[in-house]
Amino acid sequence: MLHKNISKSKEASVPSAVYVDYIRLTSGEGKTVDIKNICVKMELTESLYTPYITLRLEFTDATNLIESFPIIGQEKISVSMSRKPPGGNMETMKLNFKVLKYPLYAKPKSESLQVFSIEAISNHAYDSTFKRISRSYSGTAEEQIQKIFKEDLNYSSANGGSFKVKGSDVSRHRGIINIQTPLQAAEYFRKIAFDGNNTPFYLYQTLEKGDLCFTSTTDLYSQTPHGTYYDVRQFSGDGGGAKDYDERKTRIVDISSDLRLNKYDQAQMGAWASANYFLDWSDKSSMLEEYSYNDGNKLASKSPLIDNSVTKDYNQHQEHISVNDASFKDEDNYGFMRKRNIAKSNSFKATLETMSHDLRLFGDFKLNAGTIIDLKIPKAVDPQEKEGSGEWDEHFSGNYLITSSIHTVENGEYYTDCRVKRDSFGSGRTGGGTGGGIASTATANIATIGDLGELF
């Protein structure tokens, strides 16, 4: 692995510099070899929607590693990278993986070379595939998820990271986990989790320390931005030094956008309004709850809607859910929790698709999924016309949530490709509201079995 613009003492002169300390391959028998010198590309991918990190490595090998090691598909990989910015503290990233597969092997024109790649995944995600759990439970989704990771998957700080909770989960219920893998069970509980504002939770792993995060949408949206990034080309300082490093670090290297602005698709996902039908098997009753969006809690200051009439068209999205309110005498069940949060959960997930950008930024271990960043996009006008109207495009600038990050090291340079999304417009941010609400009081209708076919 090449190293550019970084000294042996790991002092980086530009923000694209990073020092790969090691890429260790360990066999099932415990034999270890450092393969960083034959690695030509490394990608580490984290996502707001997955509780694990994936690793992809590409190699050009003239050491006959596959046979001499030998590689059989049961290997483990440890990765460490570090650097020291000018005037700053040492930054370090260490992660452990288990190999999933070797998806590419080729022999180029030179018969003395072989090219291959490795795909690996976080240890707990790999181990989950080989386990099945089934048991009764009682408590919040957060409690059950923590139990799954700590007891079923042996996830702890000694094995790569800590479990961090941000937000208060109020989804207390009782039930049975049917036979499934631990990660499937964790997702089963995550889908039902919500905080006091009825906003959903996300379960994801971050690259910087390998931590698992269980975070509510309220807490995601209320965090302070990690940094401000500018889509500009000029530099104010001289080359080299801490000032130049910091200025380059805040530059957007490349940006492409999916403006989306697709109210039609968002409506189909339940963003603006929905009709939610619930059938209670215990007393053969049906219930309709009509949901209507409001913009109390969002990433930016301006609502994604101007014409609010769409928030009254309830049939644009429908949910049909069976519940059993008599399943337990003194405790709620899983179906009751779905009944409480399904409409708002759908709305929050759908409104986050309001606007999306794909950014290439200089590499940063802290540009993690679940992080807020502030973008400054200049107005697309002649510079002489900007005077008096402001420099930044208020429609595109502002806070965005990173939903995925791909950290790539290739040819001695480190970049982070981020997908960022937001649910509203403007550079400011609203605070504290609940976002969305029930437009009409739930109405219960006693129905006969014959009537149910018209409802479901």
Protein backbone atom coordinates (compact mmCIF):
# COMPACT_ATOMS: atom_id res chain seq x y z
CA MET A 1 0.00 0.00 0.00
CA LEU A 2 1.51 3.32 -1.09
CA HIS A 3 1.91 6.21 1.34
CA LYS A 4 1.86 9.78 0.02
CA ASN A 5 2.27 13.12 1.78
CA ILE A 6 2.77 11.47 5.16
CA SER A 7 5.97 10.89 7.12
CA LYS A 8 7.12 7.75 8.88
CA SER A 9 6.05 9.41 12.12
CA LYS A 10 2.56 9.58 10.53
CA GLU A 11 2.43 13.37 10.24
CA ALA A 12 0.10 14.19 7.34
CA SER A 13 0.69 17.27 5.18
CA VAL A 14 -2.65 17.05 3.32
CA PRO A 15 -6.04 15.62 4.43
CA SER A 16 -5.92 12.89 1.76
CA ALA A 17 -2.88 11.35 3.47
CA VAL A 18 -3.18 8.36 5.76
CA TYR A 19 -0.79 5.72 7.07
CA VAL A 20 -1.91 2.11 6.77
CA ASP A 21 -0.31 0.52 9.82
CA TYR A 22 -1.23 -3.02 8.85
CA ILE A 23 -3.69 -5.29 7.06
CA ARG A 24 -3.27 -8.59 8.87
CA LEU A 25 -4.62 -11.83 7.48
CA THR A 26 -5.04 -14.60 10.06
CA SER A 27 -5.74 -18.22 9.23
CA GLY A 28 -8.02 -20.55 11.16
CA GLU A 29 -4.88 -22.07 12.69
CA GLY A 30 -3.68 -18.69 13.98
CA LYS A 31 -1.01 -18.03 11.34
CA THR A 32 -0.76 -14.28 10.59
CA VAL A 33 0.74 -12.32 7.71
CA ASP A 34 0.70 -8.57 6.99
CA ILE A 35 -0.60 -8.13 3.43
CA LYS A 36 -0.61 -4.34 3.20
CA ASN A 37 2.34 -4.31 0.77
CA ILE A 38 0.43 -6.23 -1.91
CA CYS A 39 -2.89 -4.43 -1.35
CA VAL A 40 -3.66 -1.83 -4.04
CA LYS A 41 -7.11 -0.70 -2.89
CA MET A 42 -9.14 -0.79 0.31
CA GLU A 43 -12.82 0.13 0.78
CA LEU A 44 -14.63 0.28 4.12
CA THR A 45 -18.40 0.82 3.89
CA GLU A 46 -20.73 1.86 6.70
CA SER A 47 -24.46 2.54 6.43
CA LEU A 48 -27.20 3.96 8.62
CA TYR A 49 -29.31 0.95 7.62
CA THR A 50 -26.93 -1.90 8.56
CA PRO A 51 -25.42 -2.82 11.98
CA TYR A 52 -22.06 -3.80 10.51
CA ILE A 53 -19.19 -2.56 8.33
CA THR A 54 -18.04 -4.25 5.14
CA LEU A 55 -14.48 -4.41 3.86
CA ARG A 56 -13.24 -4.93 0.30
CA LEU A 57 -9.56 -5.37 -0.53
CA GLU A 58 -7.91 -5.67 -3.95
CA PHE A 59 -4.47 -7.21 -4.43
CA THR A 60 -1.77 -7.60 -7.04
CA ASP A 61 0.33 -10.51 -5.80
CA ALA A 62 3.71 -11.85 -6.88
CA THR A 63 4.34 -13.81 -3.66
CA ASN A 64 2.01 -16.75 -4.37
CA LEU A 65 0.08 -15.92 -1.18
CA ILE A 66 -3.01 -18.02 -1.94
CA GLU A 67 -1.02 -21.26 -2.01
CA SER A 68 1.74 -20.47 0.47
CA PHE A 69 -0.47 -19.13 3.27
CA PRO A 70 -2.77 -20.97 2.28
CA ILE A 71 -6.10 -19.18 1.74
CA ILE A 72 -9.15 -21.43 2.16
CA GLY A 73 -12.01 -19.00 3.04
CA GLN A 74 -11.92 -19.10 6.86
CA GLU A 75 -9.57 -16.18 7.38
CA LYS A 76 -9.82 -13.14 9.66
CA ILE A 77 -8.61 -9.63 8.83
CA SER A 78 -7.46 -6.82 11.11
CA VAL A 79 -7.01 -3.30 9.73
CA SER A 80 -5.34 -0.29 11.32
CA MET A 81 -4.86 3.22 9.91
CA SER A 82 -3.59 6.39 11.56
CA ARG A 83 -2.31 9.90 10.96
CA LYS A 84 -1.42 13.10 12.79
CA PRO A 85 -2.77 16.35 11.28
CA PRO A 86 -0.57 19.46 11.53
CA GLY A 87 -0.85 20.78 15.06
CA GLY A 88 -3.36 18.08 15.97
CA ASN A 89 -3.56 14.80 17.85
CA MET A 90 -3.00 11.32 16.46
CA GLU A 91 -6.09 9.87 14.77
CA THR A 92 -6.40 6.08 14.73
CA MET A 93 -8.86 3.54 13.34
CA LYS A 94 -8.73 -0.21 14.12
CA LEU A 95 -11.31 -2.79 13.01
CA ASN A 96 -11.62 -6.57 12.83
CA PHE A 97 -13.39 -8.61 10.16
CA LYS A 98 -14.08 -12.14 9.01
CA VAL A 99 -13.76 -13.06 5.34
CA LEU A 100 -17.00 -13.60 3.43
CA LYS A 101 -15.62 -14.54 0.04
CA TYR A 102 -12.95 -14.04 -2.60
CA PRO A 103 -15.10 -12.72 -5.48
CA LEU A 104 -12.34 -12.05 -8.02
CA TYR A 105 -9.31 -13.98 -9.19
CA ALA A 106 -7.43 -13.39 -12.42
CA LYS A 107 -4.07 -13.93 -14.05
CA PRO A 108 -2.91 -10.89 -16.04
CA LYS A 109 -0.56 -11.16 -19.01
CA SER A 110 2.41 -11.64 -16.73
CA GLU A 111 2.38 -15.27 -15.59
CA SER A 112 4.23 -14.31 -12.39
CA LEU A 113 1.34 -12.17 -11.10
CA GLN A 114 -2.11 -12.92 -9.76
CA VAL A 115 -4.92 -10.48 -9.01
CA PHE A 116 -7.63 -11.19 -6.45
CA SER A 117 -10.01 -9.45 -4.08
CA ILE A 118 -11.42 -10.13 -0.62
CA GLU A 119 -14.80 -9.19 0.84
CA ALA A 120 -15.15 -9.28 4.62
CA ILE A 121 -17.69 -8.24 7.24
CA SER A 122 -17.72 -7.28 10.91
CA ASN A 123 -17.20 -10.26 13.22
CA HIS A 124 -20.65 -10.11 14.84
CA ALA A 125 -22.41 -10.01 11.46
CA TYR A 126 -20.49 -13.06 10.26
CA ASP A 127 -21.13 -14.98 13.49
CA SER A 128 -24.86 -14.19 13.35
CA THR A 129 -25.24 -16.27 10.19
CA PHE A 130 -24.27 -19.44 12.08
CA LYS A 131 -26.63 -18.95 15.03
CA ARG A 132 -30.37 -19.21 15.66
CA ILE A 133 -32.20 -17.87 18.69
CA SER A 134 -35.74 -18.30 20.00
CA ARG A 135 -37.06 -17.22 23.39
CA SER A 136 -39.72 -15.26 25.20
CA TYR A 137 -39.00 -11.65 26.12
CA SER A 138 -40.41 -8.69 28.01
CA GLY A 139 -39.05 -5.15 27.95
CA THR A 140 -38.07 -2.41 25.54
CA ALA A 141 -36.63 -2.96 22.07
CA GLU A 142 -33.39 -1.35 23.26
CA GLU A 143 -33.03 -3.87 26.10
CA GLN A 144 -33.61 -6.82 23.78
CA ILE A 145 -31.19 -5.56 21.13
CA GLN A 146 -28.44 -5.02 23.70
CA LYS A 147 -29.05 -8.52 25.04
CA ILE A 148 -28.77 -9.99 21.53
CA PHE A 149 -25.43 -8.31 20.84
CA LYS A 150 -23.88 -8.91 24.26
CA GLU A 151 -25.12 -12.43 24.99
CA ASP A 152 -25.80 -14.00 21.59
CA LEU A 153 -23.07 -12.30 19.54
CA ASN A 154 -20.49 -11.69 22.29
CA TYR A 155 -20.14 -8.05 21.25
CA SER A 156 -18.10 -6.01 23.74
CA SER A 157 -15.37 -3.39 23.95
CA ALA A 158 -12.84 -6.21 24.14
CA ASN A 159 -14.05 -7.47 20.76
CA GLY A 160 -14.04 -4.21 18.84
CA GLY A 161 -16.31 -1.51 20.20
CA SER A 162 -19.03 -0.38 22.59
CA PHE A 163 -22.82 -0.24 22.33
CA LYS A 164 -24.01 3.38 22.40
CA VAL A 165 -27.63 4.41 22.91
CA LYS A 166 -28.87 7.92 22.09
CA GLY A 167 -32.54 8.49 22.72
CA SER A 168 -35.05 6.96 25.11
CA ASP A 169 -36.87 3.95 23.67
CA VAL A 170 -40.45 3.73 25.02
CA SER A 171 -41.55 0.63 23.09
CA ARG A 172 -42.06 -1.70 26.07
CA HIS A 173 -43.80 -4.94 25.14
CA ARG A 174 -43.85 -8.71 25.56
CA GLY A 175 -43.70 -11.59 23.14
CA ILE A 176 -41.69 -14.44 21.66
CA ILE A 177 -38.71 -14.32 19.30
CA ASN A 178 -39.36 -17.01 16.73
CA ILE A 179 -36.47 -18.99 15.26
CA GLN A 180 -34.14 -16.59 13.43
CA THR A 181 -30.58 -15.29 13.40
CA PRO A 182 -29.53 -12.74 16.05
CA LEU A 183 -29.26 -9.90 13.51
CA GLN A 184 -32.71 -10.73 12.12
CA ALA A 185 -34.07 -10.55 15.66
CA ALA A 186 -32.28 -7.22 16.26
CA GLU A 187 -33.92 -5.79 13.15
CA TYR A 188 -37.28 -7.18 14.32
CA PHE A 189 -36.97 -5.07 17.47
CA ARG A 190 -35.43 -2.02 15.77
CA LYS A 191 -38.44 -1.67 13.47
CA ILE A 192 -40.74 -1.32 16.45
CA ALA A 193 -38.58 1.03 18.55
CA PHE A 194 -39.57 4.67 18.96
CA ASP A 195 -38.89 7.53 21.36
CA GLY A 196 -41.19 9.94 23.17
CA ASN A 197 -41.71 11.88 19.93
CA ASN A 198 -42.68 8.66 18.11
CA THR A 199 -39.60 8.94 15.90
CA PRO A 200 -37.95 5.67 14.78
CA PHE A 201 -34.52 4.36 15.78
CA TYR A 202 -31.57 3.34 13.60
CA LEU A 203 -29.07 0.57 14.39
CA TYR A 204 -25.68 0.97 12.73
CA GLN A 205 -21.93 0.57 13.21
CA THR A 206 -19.45 3.44 12.81
CA LEU A 207 -15.94 3.25 11.44
CA GLU A 208 -14.02 5.52 13.83
CA LYS A 209 -14.15 3.22 16.86
CA GLY A 210 -16.26 0.35 15.59
CA ASP A 211 -19.09 1.32 17.95
CA LEU A 212 -22.62 0.01 17.49
CA CYS A 213 -25.12 2.88 17.72
CA PHE A 214 -28.82 2.69 18.53
CA THR A 215 -30.05 6.22 17.91
CA SER A 216 -33.45 7.86 17.61
CA THR A 217 -34.28 10.16 14.72
CA THR A 218 -34.82 12.97 17.24
CA ASP A 219 -31.24 12.61 18.49
CA LEU A 220 -29.81 12.24 14.98
CA TYR A 221 -31.44 15.48 13.86
CA SER A 222 -30.50 17.46 16.98
CA GLN A 223 -26.74 16.79 16.94
CA THR A 224 -24.20 19.52 16.20
CA PRO A 225 -22.75 19.25 12.66
CA HIS A 226 -19.38 17.49 12.50
CA GLY A 227 -18.12 20.17 10.10
CA THR A 228 -18.96 22.62 7.33
CA TYR A 229 -17.98 21.72 3.76
CA TYR A 230 -17.73 24.16 0.87
CA ASP A 231 -18.22 23.55 -2.84
CA VAL A 232 -15.65 26.17 -3.85
CA ARG A 233 -12.33 26.03 -5.68
CA GLN A 234 -10.29 28.95 -4.32
CA PHE A 235 -7.91 28.77 -1.35
CA SER A 236 -7.09 31.73 0.86
CA GLY A 237 -3.90 30.46 2.50
CA ASP A 238 -0.46 29.51 1.27
CA GLY A 239 0.32 25.86 0.58
CA GLY A 240 1.40 23.72 3.53
CA GLY A 241 0.86 24.05 7.24
CA ALA A 242 -2.12 23.67 9.55
CA LYS A 243 -4.17 26.45 7.91
CA ASP A 244 -3.86 24.91 4.45
CA TYR A 245 -4.64 21.45 5.84
CA ASP A 246 -7.81 22.66 7.59
CA GLU A 247 -8.93 24.60 4.53
CA ARG A 248 -8.51 21.63 2.21
CA LYS A 249 -10.26 19.36 4.70
CA THR A 250 -13.45 21.42 4.37
CA ARG A 251 -13.52 21.31 0.56
CA ILE A 252 -16.02 19.21 -1.38
CA VAL A 253 -13.86 17.35 -3.88
CA ASP A 254 -16.80 16.27 -6.03
CA ILE A 255 -20.59 16.42 -5.81
CA SER A 256 -23.40 14.84 -7.79
CA SER A 257 -27.00 15.11 -6.81
CA ASP A 258 -30.23 13.23 -7.01
CA LEU A 259 -32.51 16.16 -6.32
CA ARG A 260 -35.44 13.77 -5.97
CA LEU A 261 -38.08 16.36 -5.01
CA ASN A 262 -40.43 13.50 -5.83
CA LYS A 263 -43.55 14.09 -3.78
CA TYR A 264 -45.30 11.31 -5.71
CA ASP A 265 -42.93 8.54 -4.58
CA GLN A 266 -42.77 9.93 -1.07
CA ALA A 267 -46.57 9.90 -0.92
CA GLN A 268 -46.59 6.21 -1.84
CA MET A 269 -44.21 5.59 1.08
CA GLY A 270 -46.50 7.36 3.57
CA ALA A 271 -44.67 10.68 3.90
CA TRP A 272 -47.60 13.09 3.85
CA ALA A 273 -50.66 11.10 4.88
CA SER A 274 -51.78 7.53 5.37
CA ALA A 275 -54.75 5.39 6.25
CA ASN A 276 -53.77 2.73 8.77
CA TYR A 277 -56.20 -0.16 9.31
CA PHE A 278 -55.89 -2.41 12.33
CA LEU A 279 -57.78 -5.65 12.84
CA ASP A 280 -58.03 -6.88 16.44
CA TRP A 281 -58.51 -10.64 16.40
CA SER A 282 -59.46 -10.72 20.08
CA ASP A 283 -62.84 -9.03 19.63
CA LYS A 284 -63.24 -8.98 15.82
CA SER A 285 -63.05 -5.17 15.75
CA SER A 286 -61.39 -2.97 13.17
CA MET A 287 -59.85 0.45 13.62
CA LEU A 288 -58.78 3.19 11.22
CA GLU A 289 -56.17 5.79 12.12
CA GLU A 290 -55.56 8.58 9.62
CA TYR A 291 -52.14 10.15 9.75
CA SER A 292 -51.25 13.66 8.57
CA TYR A 293 -47.77 15.16 8.29
CA ASN A 294 -46.59 18.28 10.07
CA ASP A 295 -43.10 19.70 10.02
CA GLY A 296 -42.30 20.13 13.70
CA ASN A 297 -38.96 18.27 13.73
CA LYS A 298 -36.79 18.41 10.64
CA LEU A 299 -33.20 19.00 9.55
CA ALA A 300 -33.71 22.44 7.98
CA SER A 301 -35.92 25.45 8.51
CA LYS A 302 -38.25 25.29 5.51
CA SER A 303 -41.04 22.77 5.04
CA PRO A 304 -40.80 20.31 2.11
CA LEU A 305 -44.42 21.25 1.29
CA ILE A 306 -46.09 24.44 0.11
CA ASP A 307 -49.48 23.02 -0.78
CA ASN A 308 -50.55 21.14 2.36
CA SER A 309 -53.67 19.66 0.81
CA VAL A 310 -51.68 16.48 0.14
CA THR A 311 -51.63 15.86 3.91
CA LYS A 312 -55.38 15.15 3.79
CA ASP A 313 -55.29 12.54 1.02
CA TYR A 314 -55.09 9.61 3.41
CA ASN A 315 -55.44 6.80 0.89
CA GLN A 316 -52.16 7.64 -0.84
CA HIS A 317 -50.61 5.05 1.50
CA GLN A 318 -52.31 2.27 3.43
CA GLU A 319 -51.18 -0.17 6.09
CA HIS A 320 -53.17 -3.28 7.05
CA ILE A 321 -52.01 -4.74 10.35
CA SER A 322 -53.48 -7.42 12.61
CA VAL A 323 -53.28 -6.94 16.37
CA ASN A 324 -54.39 -8.88 19.43
CA ASP A 325 -55.04 -6.63 22.41
CA ALA A 326 -55.97 -9.60 24.61
CA SER A 327 -52.74 -11.56 24.13
CA PHE A 328 -51.39 -10.52 27.55
CA LYS A 329 -53.32 -9.33 30.54
CA ASP A 330 -51.13 -6.51 31.83
CA GLU A 331 -48.57 -5.95 29.04
CA ASP A 332 -48.63 -4.75 25.44
CA ASN A 333 -47.50 -6.95 22.56
CA TYR A 334 -45.49 -6.34 19.39
CA GLY A 335 -48.59 -5.63 17.29
CA PHE A 336 -49.73 -2.91 19.69
CA MET A 337 -46.33 -1.20 19.39
CA ARG A 338 -46.58 -1.29 15.59
CA LYS A 339 -49.99 0.27 15.90
CA ARG A 340 -48.51 3.14 17.91
CA ASN A 341 -45.66 4.10 15.62
CA ILE A 342 -46.09 2.66 12.11
CA ALA A 343 -47.51 5.85 10.56
CA LYS A 344 -44.88 8.22 11.92
CA SER A 345 -42.07 5.79 11.25
CA ASN A 346 -43.10 5.54 7.59
CA SER A 347 -43.35 9.33 7.37
CA PHE A 348 -39.90 10.02 8.82
CA LYS A 349 -38.24 7.46 6.55
CA ALA A 350 -40.03 8.79 3.47
CA THR A 351 -39.43 12.51 4.09
CA LEU A 352 -35.69 11.83 4.44
CA GLU A 353 -35.78 11.14 0.69
CA THR A 354 -36.59 14.81 -0.05
CA MET A 355 -33.09 15.63 -1.32
CA SER A 356 -29.90 13.59 -1.74
CA HIS A 357 -26.28 14.32 -2.69
CA ASP A 358 -23.28 12.07 -3.28
CA LEU A 359 -20.12 13.78 -2.05
CA ARG A 360 -16.43 13.01 -2.27
CA LEU A 361 -14.61 14.53 0.69
CA PHE A 362 -11.05 14.23 1.93
CA GLY A 363 -10.72 11.15 4.11
CA ASP A 364 -11.94 11.46 7.68
CA PHE A 365 -12.47 8.61 10.16
CA LYS A 366 -15.28 10.66 11.74
CA LEU A 367 -17.36 11.04 8.58
CA ASN A 368 -19.60 8.27 9.80
CA ALA A 369 -23.12 7.17 8.95
CA GLY A 370 -25.51 8.94 11.30
CA THR A 371 -23.43 12.14 11.35
CA ILE A 372 -24.77 15.60 10.47
CA ILE A 373 -22.68 17.83 8.20
CA ASP A 374 -23.33 21.36 6.97
CA LEU A 375 -22.96 22.02 3.24
CA LYS A 376 -22.32 25.39 1.65
CA ILE A 377 -23.29 25.41 -2.03
CA PRO A 378 -22.65 28.68 -3.92
CA LYS A 379 -25.34 30.35 -5.96
CA ALA A 380 -25.22 29.57 -9.69
CA VAL A 381 -25.01 33.22 -10.77
CA ASP A 382 -22.37 35.57 -12.11
CA PRO A 383 -20.12 36.62 -9.19
CA GLN A 384 -20.90 40.27 -9.89
CA GLU A 385 -24.60 39.56 -9.37
CA LYS A 386 -24.11 37.99 -5.92
CA GLU A 387 -23.54 41.28 -4.15
CA GLY A 388 -26.35 41.98 -1.74
CA SER A 389 -28.04 38.61 -2.30
CA GLY A 390 -25.68 36.41 -0.31
CA GLU A 391 -23.04 33.96 -1.46
CA TRP A 392 -24.72 30.63 -0.68
CA ASP A 393 -27.69 28.95 -2.29
CA GLU A 394 -30.14 28.68 0.61
CA HIS A 395 -32.17 26.00 -1.19
CA PHE A 396 -29.29 23.51 -1.31
CA SER A 397 -27.09 24.64 1.59
CA GLY A 398 -27.64 23.52 5.15
CA ASN A 399 -27.61 20.44 7.33
CA TYR A 400 -27.62 16.94 5.86
CA LEU A 401 -27.55 13.49 7.44
CA ILE A 402 -24.89 11.05 6.25
CA THR A 403 -26.67 7.78 5.47
CA SER A 404 -23.65 5.92 4.08
CA SER A 405 -19.89 6.40 3.86
CA ILE A 406 -17.33 4.56 1.76
CA HIS A 407 -13.78 5.10 2.99
CA THR A 408 -11.37 4.40 0.12
CA VAL A 409 -7.58 4.18 0.21
CA GLU A 410 -5.95 3.83 -3.22
CA ASN A 411 -2.66 5.01 -4.72
CA GLY A 412 -1.66 6.44 -1.36
CA GLU A 413 -4.71 8.71 -1.09
CA TYR A 414 -7.67 8.51 1.30
CA TYR A 415 -11.12 9.83 0.41
CA THR A 416 -14.58 9.39 1.91
CA ASP A 417 -17.57 9.12 -0.41
CA CYS A 418 -20.72 10.12 1.48
CA ARG A 419 -24.37 9.88 0.57
CA VAL A 420 -26.22 12.63 2.42
CA LYS A 421 -29.95 13.20 2.67
CA ARG A 422 -32.38 15.59 4.23
CA ASP A 423 -36.10 16.05 4.74
CA SER A 424 -36.55 19.79 4.20
CA PHE A 425 -35.03 22.95 2.73
CA GLY A 426 -33.07 25.96 3.97
CA SER A 427 -29.88 26.48 5.94
CA GLY A 428 -31.44 26.79 9.39
CA ARG A 429 -32.94 24.04 11.51
CA THR A 430 -36.17 23.69 13.45
CA GLY A 431 -35.94 22.20 16.88
CA GLY A 432 -37.81 20.18 19.38
CA GLY A 433 -41.06 19.45 17.60
CA THR A 434 -42.55 16.05 17.21
CA GLY A 435 -42.92 16.09 13.45
CA GLY A 436 -46.10 14.60 12.09
CA GLY A 437 -49.24 13.77 13.97
CA ILE A 438 -52.54 11.95 13.93
CA ALA A 439 -54.97 14.06 11.96
CA SER A 440 -58.11 12.40 13.20
CA THR A 441 -58.97 10.52 16.33
CA ALA A 442 -58.89 6.76 15.92
CA THR A 443 -62.31 5.30 15.35
CA ALA A 444 -63.19 1.73 16.26
CA ASN A 445 -65.76 -0.16 14.24
CA ILE A 446 -67.17 -3.48 15.40
CA ALA A 447 -67.23 -5.67 12.32
CA THR A 448 -68.45 -9.13 11.58
CA ILE A 449 -66.24 -11.72 9.90
CA GLY A 450 -68.12 -11.13 6.68
CA ASP A 451 -67.30 -7.44 6.74
CA LEU A 452 -63.56 -7.92 7.14
CA GLY A 453 -62.95 -8.75 3.49
CA GLU A 454 -63.86 -5.18 2.55
CA LEU A 455 -61.32 -3.80 4.98
CA PHE A 456 -58.34 -6.08 4.21
